[in-house]
Amino acid sequence: MGLWTLLEGFLLLANALAILNEDRFLAPRGWSFQEYSGGVKRHSFKGQILGLIYATQYLRVPLILLNLLCIVVKMVSG
């Protein structure tokens, strides 16, 4: 496993987190951001994961550009 494969894996994980819908998937399971907007709960493990999910959803445009770059590199290198 090389560095490129590891980076592709992180990109796929970021894509998976970016497409999660709060209303249909996160809120029914108790992972809504409104529950963890307080100071103490935000520093818990669940709060940190929620922050990561919302950060990936906020940075969708750079994520799209990284996906395009990965596609182009895969097409060129084979």
PDB file of N, CA and C in Angstrom:
ATOM      1  N   MET A   1       0.850  -1.174   0.000  1.00  0.00           N
ATOM      2  CA  MET A   1       0.000   0.000   0.000  1.00  0.00           C
ATOM      3  C   MET A   1       0.895   1.236   0.000  1.00  0.00           C
ATOM      4  N   GLY A   2       0.707   2.065  -0.956  1.00  0.00           N
ATOM      5  CA  GLY A   2       1.521   3.260  -1.062  1.00  0.00           C
ATOM      6  C   GLY A   2       0.829   4.485  -0.505  1.00  0.00           C
ATOM      7  N   LEU A   3       1.520   5.582  -0.597  1.00  0.00           N
ATOM      8  CA  LEU A   3       0.983   6.851  -0.104  1.00  0.00           C
ATOM      9  C   LEU A   3      -0.239   7.280  -0.911  1.00  0.00           C
ATOM     10  N   TRP A   4      -0.193   7.041  -2.228  1.00  0.00           N
ATOM     11  CA  TRP A   4      -1.320   7.442  -3.079  1.00  0.00           C
ATOM     12  C   TRP A   4      -2.585   6.666  -2.701  1.00  0.00           C
ATOM     13  N   THR A   5      -2.455   5.388  -2.417  1.00  0.00           N
ATOM     14  CA  THR A   5      -3.598   4.569  -2.021  1.00  0.00           C
ATOM     15  C   THR A   5      -4.167   5.044  -0.690  1.00  0.00           C
ATOM     16  N   LEU A   6      -3.301   5.423   0.216  1.00  0.00           N
ATOM     17  CA  LEU A   6      -3.752   5.947   1.506  1.00  0.00           C
ATOM     18  C   LEU A   6      -4.503   7.265   1.330  1.00  0.00           C
ATOM     19  N   LEU A   7      -3.999   8.141   0.470  1.00  0.00           N
ATOM     20  CA  LEU A   7      -4.679   9.411   0.202  1.00  0.00           C
ATOM     21  C   LEU A   7      -6.028   9.182  -0.470  1.00  0.00           C
ATOM     22  N   GLU A   8      -6.102   8.204  -1.370  1.00  0.00           N
ATOM     23  CA  GLU A   8      -7.379   7.884  -2.000  1.00  0.00           C
ATOM     24  C   GLU A   8      -8.377   7.361  -0.975  1.00  0.00           C
ATOM     25  N   GLY A   9      -7.910   6.593  -0.030  1.00  0.00           N
ATOM     26  CA  GLY A   9      -8.786   6.095   1.027  1.00  0.00           C
ATOM     27  C   GLY A   9      -9.347   7.216   1.883  1.00  0.00           C
ATOM     28  N   PHE A  10      -8.505   8.189   2.230  1.00  0.00           N
ATOM     29  CA  PHE A  10      -8.988   9.341   2.992  1.00  0.00           C
ATOM     30  C   PHE A  10      -9.967  10.175   2.175  1.00  0.00           C
ATOM     31  N   LEU A  11      -9.730  10.269   0.871  1.00  0.00           N
ATOM     32  CA  LEU A  11     -10.646  11.005   0.003  1.00  0.00           C
ATOM     33  C   LEU A  11     -12.000  10.300  -0.061  1.00  0.00           C
ATOM     34  N   LEU A  12     -12.005   8.984  -0.140  1.00  0.00           N
ATOM     35  CA  LEU A  12     -13.261   8.239  -0.143  1.00  0.00           C
ATOM     36  C   LEU A  12     -13.996   8.387   1.190  1.00  0.00           C
ATOM     37  N   LEU A  13     -13.267   8.405   2.294  1.00  0.00           N
ATOM     38  CA  LEU A  13     -13.887   8.613   3.600  1.00  0.00           C
ATOM     39  C   LEU A  13     -14.496  10.016   3.697  1.00  0.00           C
ATOM     40  N   ALA A  14     -13.789  11.015   3.192  1.00  0.00           N
ATOM     41  CA  ALA A  14     -14.320  12.378   3.203  1.00  0.00           C
ATOM     42  C   ALA A  14     -15.567  12.477   2.330  1.00  0.00           C
ATOM     43  N   ASN A  15     -15.577  11.769   1.197  1.00  0.00           N
ATOM     44  CA  ASN A  15     -16.772  11.756   0.350  1.00  0.00           C
ATOM     45  C   ASN A  15     -17.950  11.126   1.079  1.00  0.00           C
ATOM     46  N   ALA A  16     -17.689  10.043   1.801  1.00  0.00           N
ATOM     47  CA  ALA A  16     -18.761   9.376   2.538  1.00  0.00           C
ATOM     48  C   ALA A  16     -19.330  10.280   3.626  1.00  0.00           C
ATOM     49  N   LEU A  17     -18.485  11.026   4.306  1.00  0.00           N
ATOM     50  CA  LEU A  17     -18.964  11.927   5.351  1.00  0.00           C
ATOM     51  C   LEU A  17     -19.689  13.132   4.771  1.00  0.00           C
ATOM     52  N   ALA A  18     -19.287  13.572   3.581  1.00  0.00           N
ATOM     53  CA  ALA A  18     -19.872  14.769   2.986  1.00  0.00           C
ATOM     54  C   ALA A  18     -21.297  14.541   2.504  1.00  0.00           C
ATOM     55  N   ILE A  19     -21.664  13.301   2.194  1.00  0.00           N
ATOM     56  CA  ILE A  19     -22.999  13.073   1.645  1.00  0.00           C
ATOM     57  C   ILE A  19     -24.024  12.687   2.703  1.00  0.00           C
ATOM     58  N   LEU A  20     -23.619  12.590   3.972  1.00  0.00           N
ATOM     59  CA  LEU A  20     -24.581  12.247   5.017  1.00  0.00           C
ATOM     60  C   LEU A  20     -25.586  13.383   5.205  1.00  0.00           C
ATOM     61  N   ASN A  21     -26.858  13.045   5.216  1.00  0.00           N
ATOM     62  CA  ASN A  21     -27.918  14.027   5.379  1.00  0.00           C
ATOM     63  C   ASN A  21     -28.339  14.066   6.845  1.00  0.00           C
ATOM     64  N   GLU A  22     -28.386  15.247   7.417  1.00  0.00           N
ATOM     65  CA  GLU A  22     -28.719  15.358   8.840  1.00  0.00           C
ATOM     66  C   GLU A  22     -30.168  14.976   9.109  1.00  0.00           C
ATOM     67  N   ASP A  23     -31.084  15.436   8.278  1.00  0.00           N
ATOM     68  CA  ASP A  23     -32.507  15.188   8.535  1.00  0.00           C
ATOM     69  C   ASP A  23     -32.873  13.718   8.372  1.00  0.00           C
ATOM     70  N   ARG A  24     -32.321  13.057   7.366  1.00  0.00           N
ATOM     71  CA  ARG A  24     -32.718  11.679   7.101  1.00  0.00           C
ATOM     72  C   ARG A  24     -31.859  10.637   7.793  1.00  0.00           C
ATOM     73  N   PHE A  25     -30.603  10.943   8.076  1.00  0.00           N
ATOM     74  CA  PHE A  25     -29.717   9.923   8.610  1.00  0.00           C
ATOM     75  C   PHE A  25     -29.191  10.236  10.007  1.00  0.00           C
ATOM     76  N   LEU A  26     -28.704  11.438  10.224  1.00  0.00           N
ATOM     77  CA  LEU A  26     -28.033  11.750  11.486  1.00  0.00           C
ATOM     78  C   LEU A  26     -29.014  12.019  12.634  1.00  0.00           C
ATOM     79  N   ALA A  27     -30.018  12.835  12.410  1.00  0.00           N
ATOM     80  CA  ALA A  27     -30.930  13.219  13.486  1.00  0.00           C
ATOM     81  C   ALA A  27     -31.723  12.041  14.066  1.00  0.00           C
ATOM     82  N   PRO A  28     -32.253  11.117  13.255  1.00  0.00           N
ATOM     83  CA  PRO A  28     -32.971   9.984  13.864  1.00  0.00           C
ATOM     84  C   PRO A  28     -32.090   9.094  14.736  1.00  0.00           C
ATOM     85  N   ARG A  29     -30.799   9.130  14.548  1.00  0.00           N
ATOM     86  CA  ARG A  29     -29.889   8.315  15.346  1.00  0.00           C
ATOM     87  C   ARG A  29     -29.271   9.094  16.508  1.00  0.00           C
ATOM     88  N   GLY A  30     -29.717  10.321  16.717  1.00  0.00           N
ATOM     89  CA  GLY A  30     -29.224  11.124  17.832  1.00  0.00           C
ATOM     90  C   GLY A  30     -27.911  11.829  17.547  1.00  0.00           C
ATOM     91  N   TRP A  31     -27.570  12.041  16.297  1.00  0.00           N
ATOM     92  CA  TRP A  31     -26.307  12.683  15.922  1.00  0.00           C
ATOM     93  C   TRP A  31     -26.546  14.062  15.317  1.00  0.00           C
ATOM     94  N   SER A  32     -27.548  14.770  15.778  1.00  0.00           N
ATOM     95  CA  SER A  32     -27.813  16.092  15.233  1.00  0.00           C
ATOM     96  C   SER A  32     -26.855  17.121  15.831  1.00  0.00           C
ATOM     97  N   PHE A  33     -26.515  18.111  15.051  1.00  0.00           N
ATOM     98  CA  PHE A  33     -25.556  19.121  15.484  1.00  0.00           C
ATOM     99  C   PHE A  33     -26.150  20.031  16.546  1.00  0.00           C
ATOM    100  N   GLN A  34     -27.446  20.188  16.563  1.00  0.00           N
ATOM    101  CA  GLN A  34     -28.095  21.055  17.546  1.00  0.00           C
ATOM    102  C   GLN A  34     -27.963  20.502  18.959  1.00  0.00           C
ATOM    103  N   GLU A  35     -27.890  19.185  19.093  1.00  0.00           N
ATOM    104  CA  GLU A  35     -27.736  18.584  20.419  1.00  0.00           C
ATOM    105  C   GLU A  35     -26.336  18.807  20.982  1.00  0.00           C
ATOM    106  N   TYR A  36     -25.359  18.947  20.122  1.00  0.00           N
ATOM    107  CA  TYR A  36     -23.965  19.035  20.559  1.00  0.00           C
ATOM    108  C   TYR A  36     -23.350  20.403  20.293  1.00  0.00           C
ATOM    109  N   SER A  37     -24.157  21.441  20.247  1.00  0.00           N
ATOM    110  CA  SER A  37     -23.606  22.769  20.016  1.00  0.00           C
ATOM    111  C   SER A  37     -23.106  23.413  21.304  1.00  0.00           C
ATOM    112  N   GLY A  38     -23.342  22.784  22.441  1.00  0.00           N
ATOM    113  CA  GLY A  38     -22.866  23.305  23.719  1.00  0.00           C
ATOM    114  C   GLY A  38     -21.366  23.126  23.872  1.00  0.00           C
ATOM    115  N   GLY A  39     -20.784  23.776  24.855  1.00  0.00           N
ATOM    116  CA  GLY A  39     -19.340  23.747  25.039  1.00  0.00           C
ATOM    117  C   GLY A  39     -18.786  22.424  25.528  1.00  0.00           C
ATOM    118  N   VAL A  40     -19.435  21.799  26.510  1.00  0.00           N
ATOM    119  CA  VAL A  40     -18.901  20.581  27.118  1.00  0.00           C
ATOM    120  C   VAL A  40     -19.092  19.384  26.192  1.00  0.00           C
ATOM    121  N   LYS A  41     -20.260  19.272  25.598  1.00  0.00           N
ATOM    122  CA  LYS A  41     -20.536  18.130  24.733  1.00  0.00           C
ATOM    123  C   LYS A  41     -19.718  18.184  23.454  1.00  0.00           C
ATOM    124  N   ARG A  42     -19.310  19.361  23.056  1.00  0.00           N
ATOM    125  CA  ARG A  42     -18.571  19.517  21.813  1.00  0.00           C
ATOM    126  C   ARG A  42     -17.187  18.885  21.908  1.00  0.00           C
ATOM    127  N   HIS A  43     -16.652  18.764  23.107  1.00  0.00           N
ATOM    128  CA  HIS A  43     -15.318  18.204  23.279  1.00  0.00           C
ATOM    129  C   HIS A  43     -15.339  16.695  23.485  1.00  0.00           C
ATOM    130  N   SER A  44     -16.526  16.088  23.486  1.00  0.00           N
ATOM    131  CA  SER A  44     -16.604  14.640  23.613  1.00  0.00           C
ATOM    132  C   SER A  44     -16.251  14.001  22.267  1.00  0.00           C
ATOM    133  N   PHE A  45     -16.077  12.680  22.280  1.00  0.00           N
ATOM    134  CA  PHE A  45     -15.724  11.978  21.044  1.00  0.00           C
ATOM    135  C   PHE A  45     -16.832  12.113  20.007  1.00  0.00           C
ATOM    136  N   LYS A  46     -18.076  11.992  20.453  1.00  0.00           N
ATOM    137  CA  LYS A  46     -19.207  12.129  19.542  1.00  0.00           C
ATOM    138  C   LYS A  46     -19.285  13.551  18.974  1.00  0.00           C
ATOM    139  N   GLY A  47     -18.992  14.530  19.807  1.00  0.00           N
ATOM    140  CA  GLY A  47     -18.973  15.913  19.340  1.00  0.00           C
ATOM    141  C   GLY A  47     -17.864  16.169  18.337  1.00  0.00           C
ATOM    142  N   GLN A  48     -16.713  15.533  18.550  1.00  0.00           N
ATOM    143  CA  GLN A  48     -15.609  15.688  17.601  1.00  0.00           C
ATOM    144  C   GLN A  48     -15.949  15.050  16.252  1.00  0.00           C
ATOM    145  N   ILE A  49     -16.594  13.891  16.273  1.00  0.00           N
ATOM    146  CA  ILE A  49     -17.011  13.234  15.029  1.00  0.00           C
ATOM    147  C   ILE A  49     -18.038  14.092  14.299  1.00  0.00           C
ATOM    148  N   LEU A  50     -18.981  14.668  15.049  1.00  0.00           N
ATOM    149  CA  LEU A  50     -19.966  15.558  14.429  1.00  0.00           C
ATOM    150  C   LEU A  50     -19.291  16.781  13.809  1.00  0.00           C
ATOM    151  N   GLY A  51     -18.289  17.317  14.477  1.00  0.00           N
ATOM    152  CA  GLY A  51     -17.550  18.439  13.911  1.00  0.00           C
ATOM    153  C   GLY A  51     -16.841  18.056  12.622  1.00  0.00           C
ATOM    154  N   LEU A  52     -16.297  16.842  12.570  1.00  0.00           N
ATOM    155  CA  LEU A  52     -15.645  16.364  11.348  1.00  0.00           C
ATOM    156  C   LEU A  52     -16.649  16.203  10.217  1.00  0.00           C
ATOM    157  N   ILE A  53     -17.834  15.686  10.532  1.00  0.00           N
ATOM    158  CA  ILE A  53     -18.871  15.516   9.509  1.00  0.00           C
ATOM    159  C   ILE A  53     -19.284  16.867   8.952  1.00  0.00           C
ATOM    160  N   TYR A  54     -19.500  17.846   9.816  1.00  0.00           N
ATOM    161  CA  TYR A  54     -19.924  19.158   9.341  1.00  0.00           C
ATOM    162  C   TYR A  54     -18.800  19.899   8.627  1.00  0.00           C
ATOM    163  N   ALA A  55     -17.565  19.653   8.986  1.00  0.00           N
ATOM    164  CA  ALA A  55     -16.453  20.276   8.268  1.00  0.00           C
ATOM    165  C   ALA A  55     -16.364  19.737   6.844  1.00  0.00           C
ATOM    166  N   THR A  56     -16.562  18.428   6.676  1.00  0.00           N
ATOM    167  CA  THR A  56     -16.517  17.875   5.325  1.00  0.00           C
ATOM    168  C   THR A  56     -17.705  18.336   4.496  1.00  0.00           C
ATOM    169  N   GLN A  57     -18.855  18.525   5.141  1.00  0.00           N
ATOM    170  CA  GLN A  57     -20.004  19.032   4.396  1.00  0.00           C
ATOM    171  C   GLN A  57     -19.823  20.498   4.018  1.00  0.00           C
ATOM    172  N   TYR A  58     -19.135  21.239   4.831  1.00  0.00           N
ATOM    173  CA  TYR A  58     -18.889  22.651   4.545  1.00  0.00           C
ATOM    174  C   TYR A  58     -17.873  22.818   3.420  1.00  0.00           C
ATOM    175  N   LEU A  59     -16.913  21.918   3.324  1.00  0.00           N
ATOM    176  CA  LEU A  59     -15.844  22.025   2.322  1.00  0.00           C
ATOM    177  C   LEU A  59     -16.116  21.135   1.115  1.00  0.00           C
ATOM    178  N   ARG A  60     -17.317  21.168   0.592  1.00  0.00           N
ATOM    179  CA  ARG A  60     -17.666  20.319  -0.552  1.00  0.00           C
ATOM    180  C   ARG A  60     -16.980  20.755  -1.840  1.00  0.00           C
ATOM    181  N   VAL A  61     -16.816  22.046  -2.058  1.00  0.00           N
ATOM    182  CA  VAL A  61     -16.190  22.513  -3.308  1.00  0.00           C
ATOM    183  C   VAL A  61     -14.727  22.066  -3.399  1.00  0.00           C
ATOM    184  N   PRO A  62     -13.909  22.241  -2.355  1.00  0.00           N
ATOM    185  CA  PRO A  62     -12.553  21.689  -2.450  1.00  0.00           C
ATOM    186  C   PRO A  62     -12.545  20.167  -2.573  1.00  0.00           C
ATOM    187  N   LEU A  63     -13.525  19.513  -1.993  1.00  0.00           N
ATOM    188  CA  LEU A  63     -13.621  18.061  -2.113  1.00  0.00           C
ATOM    189  C   LEU A  63     -13.919  17.649  -3.549  1.00  0.00           C
ATOM    190  N   ILE A  64     -14.756  18.403  -4.226  1.00  0.00           N
ATOM    191  CA  ILE A  64     -15.037  18.136  -5.637  1.00  0.00           C
ATOM    192  C   ILE A  64     -13.776  18.316  -6.463  1.00  0.00           C
ATOM    193  N   LEU A  65     -13.008  19.353  -6.170  1.00  0.00           N
ATOM    194  CA  LEU A  65     -11.763  19.583  -6.910  1.00  0.00           C
ATOM    195  C   LEU A  65     -10.751  18.471  -6.658  1.00  0.00           C
ATOM    196  N   LEU A  66     -10.666  17.995  -5.440  1.00  0.00           N
ATOM    197  CA  LEU A  66      -9.763  16.874  -5.142  1.00  0.00           C
ATOM    198  C   LEU A  66     -10.202  15.599  -5.855  1.00  0.00           C
ATOM    199  N   ASN A  67     -11.506  15.386  -5.957  1.00  0.00           N
ATOM    200  CA  ASN A  67     -12.008  14.235  -6.700  1.00  0.00           C
ATOM    201  C   ASN A  67     -11.656  14.331  -8.175  1.00  0.00           C
ATOM    202  N   LEU A  68     -11.804  15.518  -8.747  1.00  0.00           N
ATOM    203  CA  LEU A  68     -11.436  15.708 -10.151  1.00  0.00           C
ATOM    204  C   LEU A  68      -9.947  15.472 -10.370  1.00  0.00           C
ATOM    205  N   LEU A  69      -9.129  15.955  -9.458  1.00  0.00           N
ATOM    206  CA  LEU A  69      -7.698  15.743  -9.560  1.00  0.00           C
ATOM    207  C   LEU A  69      -7.351  14.252  -9.472  1.00  0.00           C
ATOM    208  N   CYS A  70      -8.008  13.551  -8.590  1.00  0.00           N
ATOM    209  CA  CYS A  70      -7.773  12.111  -8.446  1.00  0.00           C
ATOM    210  C   CYS A  70      -8.195  11.366  -9.714  1.00  0.00           C
ATOM    211  N   ILE A  71      -9.307  11.756 -10.302  1.00  0.00           N
ATOM    212  CA  ILE A  71      -9.770  11.133 -11.539  1.00  0.00           C
ATOM    213  C   ILE A  71      -8.783  11.369 -12.667  1.00  0.00           C
ATOM    214  N   VAL A  72      -8.302  12.605 -12.801  1.00  0.00           N
ATOM    215  CA  VAL A  72      -7.348  12.929 -13.868  1.00  0.00           C
ATOM    216  C   VAL A  72      -6.048  12.143 -13.679  1.00  0.00           C
ATOM    217  N   VAL A  73      -5.557  12.070 -12.458  1.00  0.00           N
ATOM    218  CA  VAL A  73      -4.316  11.320 -12.204  1.00  0.00           C
ATOM    219  C   VAL A  73      -4.515   9.841 -12.522  1.00  0.00           C
ATOM    220  N   LYS A  74      -5.671   9.295 -12.170  1.00  0.00           N
ATOM    221  CA  LYS A  74      -5.950   7.890 -12.473  1.00  0.00           C
ATOM    222  C   LYS A  74      -6.054   7.647 -13.979  1.00  0.00           C
ATOM    223  N   MET A  75      -6.616   8.598 -14.698  1.00  0.00           N
ATOM    224  CA  MET A  75      -6.732   8.439 -16.151  1.00  0.00           C
ATOM    225  C   MET A  75      -5.371   8.522 -16.830  1.00  0.00           C
ATOM    226  N   VAL A  76      -4.508   9.387 -16.320  1.00  0.00           N
ATOM    227  CA  VAL A  76      -3.182   9.554 -16.933  1.00  0.00           C
ATOM    228  C   VAL A  76      -2.275   8.396 -16.589  1.00  0.00           C
ATOM    229  N   SER A  77      -2.283   7.993 -15.323  1.00  0.00           N
ATOM    230  CA  SER A  77      -1.342   6.967 -14.902  1.00  0.00           C
ATOM    231  C   SER A  77      -1.846   5.543 -15.123  1.00  0.00           C
ATOM    232  N   GLY A  78      -3.126   5.387 -15.220  1.00  0.00           N
ATOM    233  CA  GLY A  78      -3.666   4.057 -15.511  1.00  0.00           C
ATOM    234  C   GLY A  78      -4.058   3.303 -14.375  1.00  0.00           C
TER     235      GLY A  78
END
